Amino acid sequence: MSHLLTTLSKKKEVDTIIRDTLEKVLVLRFGRASDLVCLQQDHIVCFAFHSSSVLPAFQFCCFFFRIKVICCAILFIQLSKAARDVSKFATVALVDVDSEDIQVYVKYFDITLIPSTVFFFNAHHMKMDYGTADHTKWIGAFHTKQDFIDVVEAIYRGAMKGKLIVNCPLPPEHIPKYQILYKDV
């Protein structure tokens, strides 16, 4: 339900929300409105599983995109519902990676896999040690709604103690694993 969450498509909007979100964790989900994993994460695709006309198309799509099948087969976070649960200590916003104006952030945070989620607190980029090579962002969708809440809460607690990097509270099997390949290194 990405229409329930703030969607940012201009650099100035992203700059403003980063600067103006104080004493709360800012969760920026970089992705596309048309991507299956992003839709699942935003809780738009959930109704499609109950519609018999959409299910064959989804199964056909999953047959050819095995990587997305693995991601979509698991119950993912529903950001629109979780946003309400974390609203006392976090703000959730969606960022459209296809917008020309946003490409500055896409390059800066090296958003190559979507969805990617970046966290801020009082205009400081918050990092989390997930046990992967990249601590700057969460790559992929969250396994459950509670996983998302736990990650945001851990970032908030660490930020309140003055930390810029915190340890991930999730078990390793709930953390998506990706191999990071660096271009021109």
N, C-alpha and C. Protein backbone atom coordinates (compact mmCIF):
# COMPACT_ATOMS: atom_id res chain seq x y z
N MET A 1 0.83 -1.18 0.00
CA MET A 1 0.00 0.00 0.00
C MET A 1 0.87 1.24 0.00
N SER A 2 1.63 1.36 -1.06
CA SER A 2 2.55 2.48 -1.12
C SER A 2 1.83 3.82 -1.14
N HIS A 3 0.53 3.82 -1.50
CA HIS A 3 -0.20 5.07 -1.48
C HIS A 3 -0.45 5.57 -0.06
N LEU A 4 -0.28 4.74 0.95
CA LEU A 4 -0.44 5.15 2.34
C LEU A 4 0.85 5.72 2.92
N LEU A 5 1.96 5.47 2.25
CA LEU A 5 3.25 5.96 2.71
C LEU A 5 3.71 7.12 1.84
N THR A 6 4.51 8.00 2.40
CA THR A 6 5.04 9.12 1.65
C THR A 6 5.97 8.60 0.56
N THR A 7 5.74 9.03 -0.67
CA THR A 7 6.60 8.65 -1.80
C THR A 7 7.38 9.87 -2.24
N LEU A 8 8.69 9.73 -2.31
CA LEU A 8 9.58 10.82 -2.68
C LEU A 8 10.15 10.58 -4.07
N SER A 9 10.08 11.60 -4.92
CA SER A 9 10.60 11.44 -6.28
C SER A 9 11.53 12.57 -6.68
N LYS A 10 11.81 13.49 -5.77
CA LYS A 10 12.70 14.61 -6.06
C LYS A 10 13.80 14.68 -5.00
N LYS A 11 14.98 15.09 -5.41
CA LYS A 11 16.12 15.20 -4.50
C LYS A 11 15.80 16.16 -3.35
N LYS A 12 15.14 17.26 -3.67
CA LYS A 12 14.81 18.24 -2.64
C LYS A 12 13.89 17.65 -1.57
N GLU A 13 12.95 16.78 -1.97
CA GLU A 13 12.07 16.13 -1.00
C GLU A 13 12.87 15.22 -0.07
N VAL A 14 13.82 14.47 -0.64
CA VAL A 14 14.64 13.58 0.18
C VAL A 14 15.52 14.40 1.12
N ASP A 15 16.14 15.45 0.59
CA ASP A 15 16.96 16.33 1.44
C ASP A 15 16.15 16.89 2.61
N THR A 16 14.93 17.34 2.31
CA THR A 16 14.08 17.94 3.34
C THR A 16 13.68 16.94 4.41
N ILE A 17 13.27 15.75 4.00
CA ILE A 17 12.84 14.77 5.00
C ILE A 17 14.01 14.29 5.86
N ILE A 18 15.21 14.17 5.26
CA ILE A 18 16.39 13.79 6.05
C ILE A 18 16.72 14.88 7.06
N ARG A 19 16.68 16.12 6.61
CA ARG A 19 17.04 17.26 7.47
C ARG A 19 15.99 17.50 8.56
N ASP A 20 14.71 17.33 8.23
CA ASP A 20 13.65 17.72 9.14
C ASP A 20 13.15 16.61 10.08
N THR A 21 13.59 15.38 9.88
CA THR A 21 13.17 14.29 10.77
C THR A 21 14.12 14.26 11.97
N LEU A 22 13.62 14.75 13.09
CA LEU A 22 14.43 14.85 14.30
C LEU A 22 13.91 13.92 15.39
N GLU A 23 14.84 13.34 16.14
CA GLU A 23 14.54 12.43 17.26
C GLU A 23 13.72 11.22 16.84
N LYS A 24 13.77 10.88 15.56
CA LYS A 24 13.12 9.68 15.03
C LYS A 24 14.06 9.06 14.00
N VAL A 25 13.93 7.75 13.81
CA VAL A 25 14.65 7.06 12.75
C VAL A 25 13.89 7.32 11.46
N LEU A 26 14.61 7.69 10.43
CA LEU A 26 14.02 7.85 9.10
C LEU A 26 14.36 6.62 8.29
N VAL A 27 13.35 5.93 7.80
CA VAL A 27 13.52 4.72 7.00
C VAL A 27 13.18 5.09 5.55
N LEU A 28 14.18 5.04 4.68
CA LEU A 28 13.96 5.31 3.26
C LEU A 28 14.07 4.00 2.50
N ARG A 29 12.96 3.57 1.88
CA ARG A 29 12.96 2.36 1.08
C ARG A 29 13.11 2.75 -0.39
N PHE A 30 14.28 2.45 -0.97
CA PHE A 30 14.54 2.73 -2.37
C PHE A 30 14.02 1.56 -3.19
N GLY A 31 13.17 1.84 -4.17
CA GLY A 31 12.64 0.77 -5.01
C GLY A 31 11.76 1.31 -6.11
N ARG A 32 11.07 0.37 -6.77
CA ARG A 32 10.16 0.70 -7.87
C ARG A 32 8.76 0.25 -7.49
N ALA A 33 7.77 1.01 -7.90
CA ALA A 33 6.39 0.65 -7.64
C ALA A 33 5.97 -0.58 -8.44
N SER A 34 6.71 -0.92 -9.50
CA SER A 34 6.35 -2.05 -10.35
C SER A 34 7.09 -3.34 -9.98
N ASP A 35 8.04 -3.29 -9.06
CA ASP A 35 8.82 -4.47 -8.70
C ASP A 35 8.04 -5.34 -7.73
N LEU A 36 8.02 -6.66 -7.99
CA LEU A 36 7.24 -7.58 -7.15
C LEU A 36 7.68 -7.56 -5.69
N VAL A 37 8.97 -7.55 -5.45
CA VAL A 37 9.45 -7.57 -4.06
C VAL A 37 9.11 -6.26 -3.36
N CYS A 38 9.24 -5.14 -4.08
CA CYS A 38 8.86 -3.85 -3.49
C CYS A 38 7.36 -3.82 -3.20
N LEU A 39 6.57 -4.33 -4.14
CA LEU A 39 5.12 -4.36 -3.93
C LEU A 39 4.76 -5.22 -2.73
N GLN A 40 5.41 -6.36 -2.62
CA GLN A 40 5.14 -7.24 -1.48
C GLN A 40 5.56 -6.53 -0.20
N GLN A 41 6.70 -5.88 -0.23
CA GLN A 41 7.18 -5.19 0.95
C GLN A 41 6.23 -4.06 1.33
N ASP A 42 5.63 -3.43 0.35
CA ASP A 42 4.71 -2.33 0.62
C ASP A 42 3.27 -2.79 0.82
N HIS A 43 3.03 -4.08 0.69
CA HIS A 43 1.74 -4.70 0.94
C HIS A 43 0.70 -4.37 -0.12
N ILE A 44 1.12 -4.34 -1.38
CA ILE A 44 0.17 -4.15 -2.47
C ILE A 44 -0.14 -5.50 -3.11
N VAL A 45 0.83 -6.38 -3.19
CA VAL A 45 0.68 -7.64 -3.89
C VAL A 45 -0.14 -8.65 -3.10
N CYS A 46 -0.31 -8.44 -1.80
CA CYS A 46 -0.98 -9.44 -0.97
C CYS A 46 -2.36 -9.81 -1.48
N PHE A 47 -3.12 -8.84 -2.02
CA PHE A 47 -4.45 -9.16 -2.51
C PHE A 47 -4.40 -10.03 -3.76
N ALA A 48 -3.30 -10.02 -4.48
CA ALA A 48 -3.20 -10.76 -5.73
C ALA A 48 -3.22 -12.27 -5.49
N PHE A 49 -2.76 -12.73 -4.34
CA PHE A 49 -2.75 -14.16 -4.08
C PHE A 49 -4.15 -14.73 -3.89
N HIS A 50 -5.12 -13.88 -3.61
CA HIS A 50 -6.49 -14.33 -3.43
C HIS A 50 -7.28 -14.28 -4.73
N SER A 51 -6.74 -13.65 -5.77
CA SER A 51 -7.42 -13.52 -7.04
C SER A 51 -6.95 -14.61 -7.99
N SER A 52 -7.87 -15.45 -8.45
CA SER A 52 -7.48 -16.56 -9.31
C SER A 52 -6.99 -16.08 -10.67
N SER A 53 -7.41 -14.89 -11.12
CA SER A 53 -6.96 -14.40 -12.42
C SER A 53 -5.52 -13.90 -12.37
N VAL A 54 -5.07 -13.46 -11.22
CA VAL A 54 -3.72 -12.93 -11.10
C VAL A 54 -2.73 -14.03 -10.76
N LEU A 55 -3.15 -15.07 -10.06
CA LEU A 55 -2.25 -16.12 -9.61
C LEU A 55 -1.51 -16.82 -10.75
N PRO A 56 -2.15 -17.23 -11.86
CA PRO A 56 -1.38 -17.86 -12.94
C PRO A 56 -0.28 -16.95 -13.50
N ALA A 57 -0.58 -15.68 -13.64
CA ALA A 57 0.44 -14.73 -14.14
C ALA A 57 1.59 -14.64 -13.16
N PHE A 58 1.28 -14.65 -11.85
CA PHE A 58 2.33 -14.58 -10.84
C PHE A 58 3.20 -15.84 -10.88
N GLN A 59 2.55 -17.02 -11.02
CA GLN A 59 3.30 -18.27 -11.10
C GLN A 59 4.17 -18.30 -12.34
N PHE A 60 3.68 -17.81 -13.46
CA PHE A 60 4.46 -17.75 -14.70
C PHE A 60 5.68 -16.86 -14.51
N CYS A 61 5.45 -15.70 -13.89
CA CYS A 61 6.55 -14.77 -13.62
C CYS A 61 7.57 -15.42 -12.70
N CYS A 62 7.12 -16.11 -11.67
CA CYS A 62 8.02 -16.75 -10.71
C CYS A 62 8.82 -17.88 -11.35
N PHE A 63 8.23 -18.58 -12.32
CA PHE A 63 8.93 -19.67 -12.98
C PHE A 63 10.21 -19.17 -13.65
N PHE A 64 10.15 -18.01 -14.25
CA PHE A 64 11.29 -17.49 -15.00
C PHE A 64 12.23 -16.64 -14.17
N PHE A 65 11.81 -16.17 -13.05
CA PHE A 65 12.65 -15.33 -12.21
C PHE A 65 12.89 -16.02 -10.88
N ARG A 66 13.76 -17.02 -10.87
CA ARG A 66 13.97 -17.85 -9.69
C ARG A 66 14.45 -17.06 -8.48
N ILE A 67 15.26 -16.04 -8.69
CA ILE A 67 15.75 -15.25 -7.56
C ILE A 67 14.58 -14.57 -6.87
N LYS A 68 13.66 -14.03 -7.65
CA LYS A 68 12.51 -13.36 -7.06
C LYS A 68 11.56 -14.37 -6.41
N VAL A 69 11.53 -15.61 -6.92
CA VAL A 69 10.69 -16.64 -6.31
C VAL A 69 11.13 -16.87 -4.88
N ILE A 70 12.44 -16.96 -4.66
CA ILE A 70 12.97 -17.19 -3.32
C ILE A 70 12.54 -16.04 -2.41
N CYS A 71 12.64 -14.80 -2.93
CA CYS A 71 12.27 -13.65 -2.13
C CYS A 71 10.76 -13.59 -1.90
N CYS A 72 9.97 -13.86 -2.95
CA CYS A 72 8.52 -13.73 -2.83
C CYS A 72 7.88 -14.89 -2.10
N ALA A 73 8.54 -16.05 -2.05
CA ALA A 73 7.96 -17.22 -1.41
C ALA A 73 7.86 -17.04 0.10
N ILE A 74 8.72 -16.23 0.65
CA ILE A 74 8.72 -15.98 2.09
C ILE A 74 7.74 -14.85 2.39
N LEU A 75 7.13 -14.90 3.56
CA LEU A 75 6.24 -13.82 3.95
C LEU A 75 7.06 -12.58 4.26
N PHE A 76 6.87 -11.51 3.48
CA PHE A 76 7.67 -10.30 3.64
C PHE A 76 6.94 -9.27 4.50
N ILE A 77 7.69 -8.29 4.88
CA ILE A 77 7.17 -7.21 5.70
C ILE A 77 6.12 -6.41 4.96
N GLN A 78 5.17 -5.92 5.66
CA GLN A 78 4.16 -5.05 5.10
C GLN A 78 4.41 -3.68 5.70
N LEU A 79 5.17 -2.87 4.96
CA LEU A 79 5.62 -1.58 5.49
C LEU A 79 4.49 -0.68 5.94
N SER A 80 3.40 -0.67 5.20
CA SER A 80 2.32 0.24 5.56
C SER A 80 1.74 -0.09 6.93
N LYS A 81 1.68 -1.38 7.29
CA LYS A 81 1.19 -1.77 8.61
C LYS A 81 2.26 -1.53 9.68
N ALA A 82 3.51 -1.84 9.35
CA ALA A 82 4.59 -1.67 10.31
C ALA A 82 4.87 -0.20 10.58
N ALA A 83 4.63 0.66 9.61
CA ALA A 83 4.87 2.09 9.79
C ALA A 83 4.05 2.63 10.95
N ARG A 84 2.84 2.12 11.09
CA ARG A 84 1.99 2.55 12.21
C ARG A 84 2.56 2.07 13.54
N ASP A 85 3.12 0.85 13.56
CA ASP A 85 3.67 0.29 14.79
C ASP A 85 4.93 1.01 15.26
N VAL A 86 5.71 1.55 14.34
CA VAL A 86 6.96 2.22 14.70
C VAL A 86 6.83 3.74 14.65
N SER A 87 5.61 4.26 14.48
CA SER A 87 5.42 5.69 14.26
C SER A 87 5.88 6.57 15.43
N LYS A 88 5.99 6.01 16.63
CA LYS A 88 6.45 6.81 17.77
C LYS A 88 7.94 7.09 17.71
N PHE A 89 8.70 6.22 17.04
CA PHE A 89 10.15 6.42 16.99
C PHE A 89 10.72 6.32 15.58
N ALA A 90 9.87 6.27 14.56
CA ALA A 90 10.38 6.19 13.18
C ALA A 90 9.39 6.76 12.18
N THR A 91 9.93 7.22 11.06
CA THR A 91 9.16 7.69 9.92
C THR A 91 9.58 6.86 8.72
N VAL A 92 8.61 6.36 7.96
CA VAL A 92 8.91 5.52 6.80
C VAL A 92 8.51 6.28 5.54
N ALA A 93 9.41 6.30 4.55
CA ALA A 93 9.12 6.94 3.26
C ALA A 93 9.67 6.07 2.14
N LEU A 94 9.01 6.12 1.00
CA LEU A 94 9.42 5.37 -0.18
C LEU A 94 10.13 6.32 -1.14
N VAL A 95 11.20 5.84 -1.78
CA VAL A 95 11.93 6.65 -2.75
C VAL A 95 11.91 5.92 -4.09
N ASP A 96 11.45 6.60 -5.12
CA ASP A 96 11.35 6.03 -6.46
C ASP A 96 12.71 6.09 -7.15
N VAL A 97 13.36 4.93 -7.36
CA VAL A 97 14.70 4.90 -7.94
C VAL A 97 14.71 5.24 -9.42
N ASP A 98 13.56 5.22 -10.08
CA ASP A 98 13.51 5.55 -11.50
C ASP A 98 13.44 7.04 -11.77
N SER A 99 13.23 7.84 -10.75
CA SER A 99 13.17 9.28 -10.92
C SER A 99 14.56 9.83 -11.24
N GLU A 100 14.63 10.67 -12.25
CA GLU A 100 15.91 11.25 -12.66
C GLU A 100 16.56 12.06 -11.54
N ASP A 101 15.75 12.76 -10.79
CA ASP A 101 16.25 13.64 -9.73
C ASP A 101 16.86 12.86 -8.56
N ILE A 102 16.48 11.62 -8.38
CA ILE A 102 16.92 10.80 -7.25
C ILE A 102 18.24 10.08 -7.55
N GLN A 103 18.70 10.10 -8.79
CA GLN A 103 19.89 9.34 -9.18
C GLN A 103 21.12 9.71 -8.36
N VAL A 104 21.17 10.91 -7.82
CA VAL A 104 22.28 11.31 -6.96
C VAL A 104 22.36 10.38 -5.75
N TYR A 105 21.22 10.11 -5.13
CA TYR A 105 21.19 9.22 -3.97
C TYR A 105 21.39 7.77 -4.37
N VAL A 106 20.86 7.38 -5.51
CA VAL A 106 21.03 6.01 -5.99
C VAL A 106 22.51 5.70 -6.18
N LYS A 107 23.24 6.64 -6.74
CA LYS A 107 24.70 6.46 -6.93
C LYS A 107 25.45 6.55 -5.60
N TYR A 108 25.07 7.50 -4.76
CA TYR A 108 25.77 7.70 -3.50
C TYR A 108 25.66 6.47 -2.60
N PHE A 109 24.47 5.89 -2.49
CA PHE A 109 24.26 4.72 -1.64
C PHE A 109 24.47 3.42 -2.39
N ASP A 110 24.87 3.49 -3.66
CA ASP A 110 25.13 2.32 -4.50
C ASP A 110 23.92 1.37 -4.50
N ILE A 111 22.77 1.92 -4.85
CA ILE A 111 21.54 1.14 -4.91
C ILE A 111 21.52 0.38 -6.23
N THR A 112 21.97 -0.87 -6.20
CA THR A 112 21.97 -1.70 -7.39
C THR A 112 20.92 -2.80 -7.29
N LEU A 113 20.64 -3.27 -6.10
CA LEU A 113 19.60 -4.26 -5.87
C LEU A 113 18.45 -3.58 -5.14
N ILE A 114 17.23 -3.87 -5.58
CA ILE A 114 16.08 -3.27 -4.93
C ILE A 114 15.16 -4.36 -4.42
N PRO A 115 14.43 -4.12 -3.35
CA PRO A 115 14.44 -2.89 -2.57
C PRO A 115 15.67 -2.80 -1.67
N SER A 116 16.13 -1.59 -1.48
CA SER A 116 17.20 -1.30 -0.53
C SER A 116 16.68 -0.28 0.46
N THR A 117 16.95 -0.51 1.73
CA THR A 117 16.43 0.36 2.78
C THR A 117 17.59 1.01 3.50
N VAL A 118 17.54 2.35 3.61
CA VAL A 118 18.59 3.14 4.24
C VAL A 118 17.99 3.82 5.46
N PHE A 119 18.77 3.91 6.53
CA PHE A 119 18.28 4.46 7.79
C PHE A 119 19.04 5.73 8.17
N PHE A 120 18.33 6.70 8.74
CA PHE A 120 18.91 7.96 9.22
C PHE A 120 18.37 8.26 10.61
N PHE A 121 19.16 9.02 11.38
CA PHE A 121 18.69 9.54 12.66
C PHE A 121 19.29 10.92 12.84
N ASN A 122 18.45 11.93 12.99
CA ASN A 122 18.89 13.33 13.11
C ASN A 122 19.88 13.69 12.00
N ALA A 123 19.54 13.35 10.78
CA ALA A 123 20.31 13.65 9.57
C ALA A 123 21.64 12.91 9.49
N HIS A 124 21.87 11.92 10.36
CA HIS A 124 23.07 11.09 10.29
C HIS A 124 22.71 9.74 9.69
N HIS A 125 23.52 9.29 8.76
CA HIS A 125 23.29 7.99 8.15
C HIS A 125 23.63 6.91 9.17
N MET A 126 22.66 6.08 9.51
CA MET A 126 22.85 5.02 10.48
C MET A 126 23.20 3.73 9.75
N LYS A 127 24.18 3.01 10.28
CA LYS A 127 24.62 1.75 9.68
C LYS A 127 24.35 0.61 10.64
N MET A 128 24.23 -0.60 10.08
CA MET A 128 23.98 -1.76 10.90
C MET A 128 24.85 -2.91 10.41
N ASP A 129 25.48 -3.60 11.35
CA ASP A 129 26.30 -4.76 11.01
C ASP A 129 25.38 -5.97 10.90
N TYR A 130 25.12 -6.39 9.65
CA TYR A 130 24.23 -7.52 9.38
C TYR A 130 25.01 -8.82 9.24
N GLY A 131 26.32 -8.74 9.32
CA GLY A 131 27.15 -9.91 9.04
C GLY A 131 27.46 -10.02 7.56
N THR A 132 27.17 -8.96 6.81
CA THR A 132 27.48 -8.91 5.38
C THR A 132 28.53 -7.84 5.14
N ALA A 133 29.00 -7.74 3.92
CA ALA A 133 30.05 -6.77 3.60
C ALA A 133 29.53 -5.33 3.58
N ASP A 134 28.25 -5.14 3.33
CA ASP A 134 27.68 -3.79 3.22
C ASP A 134 26.88 -3.45 4.46
N HIS A 135 27.36 -2.47 5.23
CA HIS A 135 26.68 -2.05 6.45
C HIS A 135 25.81 -0.82 6.22
N THR A 136 25.83 -0.27 5.00
CA THR A 136 25.18 1.02 4.76
C THR A 136 23.69 0.91 4.50
N LYS A 137 23.21 -0.26 4.12
CA LYS A 137 21.79 -0.40 3.77
C LYS A 137 21.34 -1.84 3.94
N TRP A 138 20.04 -2.03 4.07
CA TRP A 138 19.43 -3.35 4.09
C TRP A 138 19.04 -3.66 2.66
N ILE A 139 19.53 -4.76 2.11
CA ILE A 139 19.22 -5.14 0.73
C ILE A 139 18.18 -6.24 0.76
N GLY A 140 17.09 -6.04 0.01
CA GLY A 140 16.02 -7.02 -0.06
C GLY A 140 14.89 -6.67 0.89
N ALA A 141 13.91 -7.55 0.93
CA ALA A 141 12.76 -7.33 1.80
C ALA A 141 12.99 -7.98 3.15
N PHE A 142 12.27 -7.53 4.14
CA PHE A 142 12.36 -8.12 5.46
C PHE A 142 11.54 -9.40 5.49
N HIS A 143 11.99 -10.35 6.29
CA HIS A 143 11.35 -11.67 6.37
C HIS A 143 9.97 -11.57 6.98
N THR A 144 9.83 -10.83 8.06
CA THR A 144 8.54 -10.65 8.73
C THR A 144 8.40 -9.20 9.17
N LYS A 145 7.20 -8.86 9.54
CA LYS A 145 6.93 -7.51 10.06
C LYS A 145 7.72 -7.26 11.33
N GLN A 146 7.81 -8.27 12.18
CA GLN A 146 8.54 -8.12 13.44
C GLN A 146 10.03 -7.90 13.20
N ASP A 147 10.59 -8.51 12.15
CA ASP A 147 12.00 -8.28 11.82
C ASP A 147 12.24 -6.81 11.53
N PHE A 148 11.35 -6.21 10.74
CA PHE A 148 11.47 -4.79 10.43
C PHE A 148 11.41 -3.95 11.70
N ILE A 149 10.45 -4.23 12.55
CA ILE A 149 10.29 -3.48 13.80
C ILE A 149 11.54 -3.63 14.67
N ASP A 150 12.08 -4.85 14.77
CA ASP A 150 13.29 -5.09 15.57
C ASP A 150 14.48 -4.31 15.04
N VAL A 151 14.66 -4.27 13.72
CA VAL A 151 15.79 -3.54 13.12
C VAL A 151 15.65 -2.05 13.39
N VAL A 152 14.46 -1.50 13.17
CA VAL A 152 14.26 -0.06 13.39
C VAL A 152 14.44 0.28 14.87
N GLU A 153 13.95 -0.57 15.75
CA GLU A 153 14.10 -0.32 17.18
C GLU A 153 15.57 -0.38 17.60
N ALA A 154 16.33 -1.32 17.05
CA ALA A 154 17.76 -1.42 17.37
C ALA A 154 18.51 -0.18 16.90
N ILE A 155 18.15 0.31 15.74
CA ILE A 155 18.79 1.53 15.23
C ILE A 155 18.42 2.72 16.12
N TYR A 156 17.17 2.80 16.52
CA TYR A 156 16.75 3.90 17.39
C TYR A 156 17.48 3.86 18.73
N ARG A 157 17.55 2.69 19.35
CA ARG A 157 18.23 2.57 20.65
C ARG A 157 19.71 2.91 20.54
N GLY A 158 20.35 2.43 19.46
CA GLY A 158 21.76 2.75 19.25
C GLY A 158 21.98 4.23 19.01
N ALA A 159 21.10 4.84 18.22
CA ALA A 159 21.21 6.27 17.93
C ALA A 159 21.03 7.11 19.18
N MET A 160 20.13 6.70 20.06
CA MET A 160 19.90 7.44 21.31
C MET A 160 21.13 7.36 22.22
N LYS A 161 21.97 6.34 22.02
CA LYS A 161 23.21 6.22 22.79
C LYS A 161 24.39 6.87 22.07
N GLY A 162 24.14 7.48 20.91
CA GLY A 162 25.19 8.17 20.17
C GLY A 162 25.96 7.31 19.19
N LYS A 163 25.52 6.10 18.95
CA LYS A 163 26.23 5.21 18.03
C LYS A 163 25.80 5.49 16.59
N LEU A 164 26.73 5.31 15.65
CA LEU A 164 26.41 5.45 14.23
C LEU A 164 26.32 4.10 13.52
N ILE A 165 26.79 3.04 14.21
CA ILE A 165 26.65 1.68 13.69
C ILE A 165 26.22 0.78 14.83
N VAL A 166 25.25 -0.09 14.57
CA VAL A 166 24.73 -0.99 15.60
C VAL A 166 24.73 -2.41 15.05
N ASN A 167 24.65 -3.37 15.95
CA ASN A 167 24.58 -4.78 15.54
C ASN A 167 23.13 -5.15 15.22
N CYS A 168 22.98 -6.01 14.25
CA CYS A 168 21.65 -6.46 13.83
C CYS A 168 21.08 -7.43 14.87
N PRO A 169 19.84 -7.21 15.31
CA PRO A 169 19.24 -8.08 16.31
C PRO A 169 18.63 -9.36 15.72
N LEU A 170 18.64 -9.51 14.41
CA LEU A 170 17.96 -10.64 13.77
C LEU A 170 18.85 -11.87 13.70
N PRO A 171 18.25 -13.05 13.72
CA PRO A 171 19.04 -14.27 13.51
C PRO A 171 19.55 -14.30 12.07
N PRO A 172 20.71 -14.93 11.84
CA PRO A 172 21.32 -14.93 10.50
C PRO A 172 20.42 -15.48 9.39
N GLU A 173 19.52 -16.40 9.72
CA GLU A 173 18.66 -16.96 8.67
C GLU A 173 17.58 -15.98 8.19
N HIS A 174 17.39 -14.87 8.90
CA HIS A 174 16.42 -13.85 8.49
C HIS A 174 17.09 -12.70 7.72
N ILE A 175 18.39 -12.80 7.48
CA ILE A 175 19.11 -11.74 6.78
C ILE A 175 19.38 -12.21 5.35
N PRO A 176 18.90 -11.45 4.35
CA PRO A 176 19.18 -11.83 2.96
C PRO A 176 20.67 -11.80 2.68
N LYS A 177 21.15 -12.78 1.93
CA LYS A 177 22.58 -12.85 1.60
C LYS A 177 22.76 -12.56 0.11
N TYR A 178 23.63 -11.62 -0.18
CA TYR A 178 23.96 -11.26 -1.55
C TYR A 178 25.47 -11.16 -1.67
N GLN A 179 25.99 -11.50 -2.82
CA GLN A 179 27.40 -11.29 -3.09
C GLN A 179 27.55 -9.90 -3.69
N ILE A 180 28.43 -9.11 -3.13
CA ILE A 180 28.64 -7.76 -3.62
C ILE A 180 29.83 -7.76 -4.57
N LEU A 181 29.58 -7.31 -5.78
CA LEU A 181 30.63 -7.21 -6.79
C LEU A 181 30.88 -5.72 -7.02
N TYR A 182 32.11 -5.31 -6.91
CA TYR A 182 32.45 -3.90 -7.08
C TYR A 182 32.93 -3.68 -8.52
N LYS A 183 32.39 -2.64 -9.16
CA LYS A 183 32.79 -2.30 -10.51
C LYS A 183 34.11 -1.53 -10.49
N ASP A 184 34.93 -1.76 -11.49
CA ASP A 184 36.18 -1.02 -11.71
C ASP A 184 37.10 -0.99 -10.49
N VAL A 185 37.22 -2.11 -9.79
CA VAL A 185 38.10 -2.17 -8.63
C VAL A 185 39.37 -2.92 -9.00
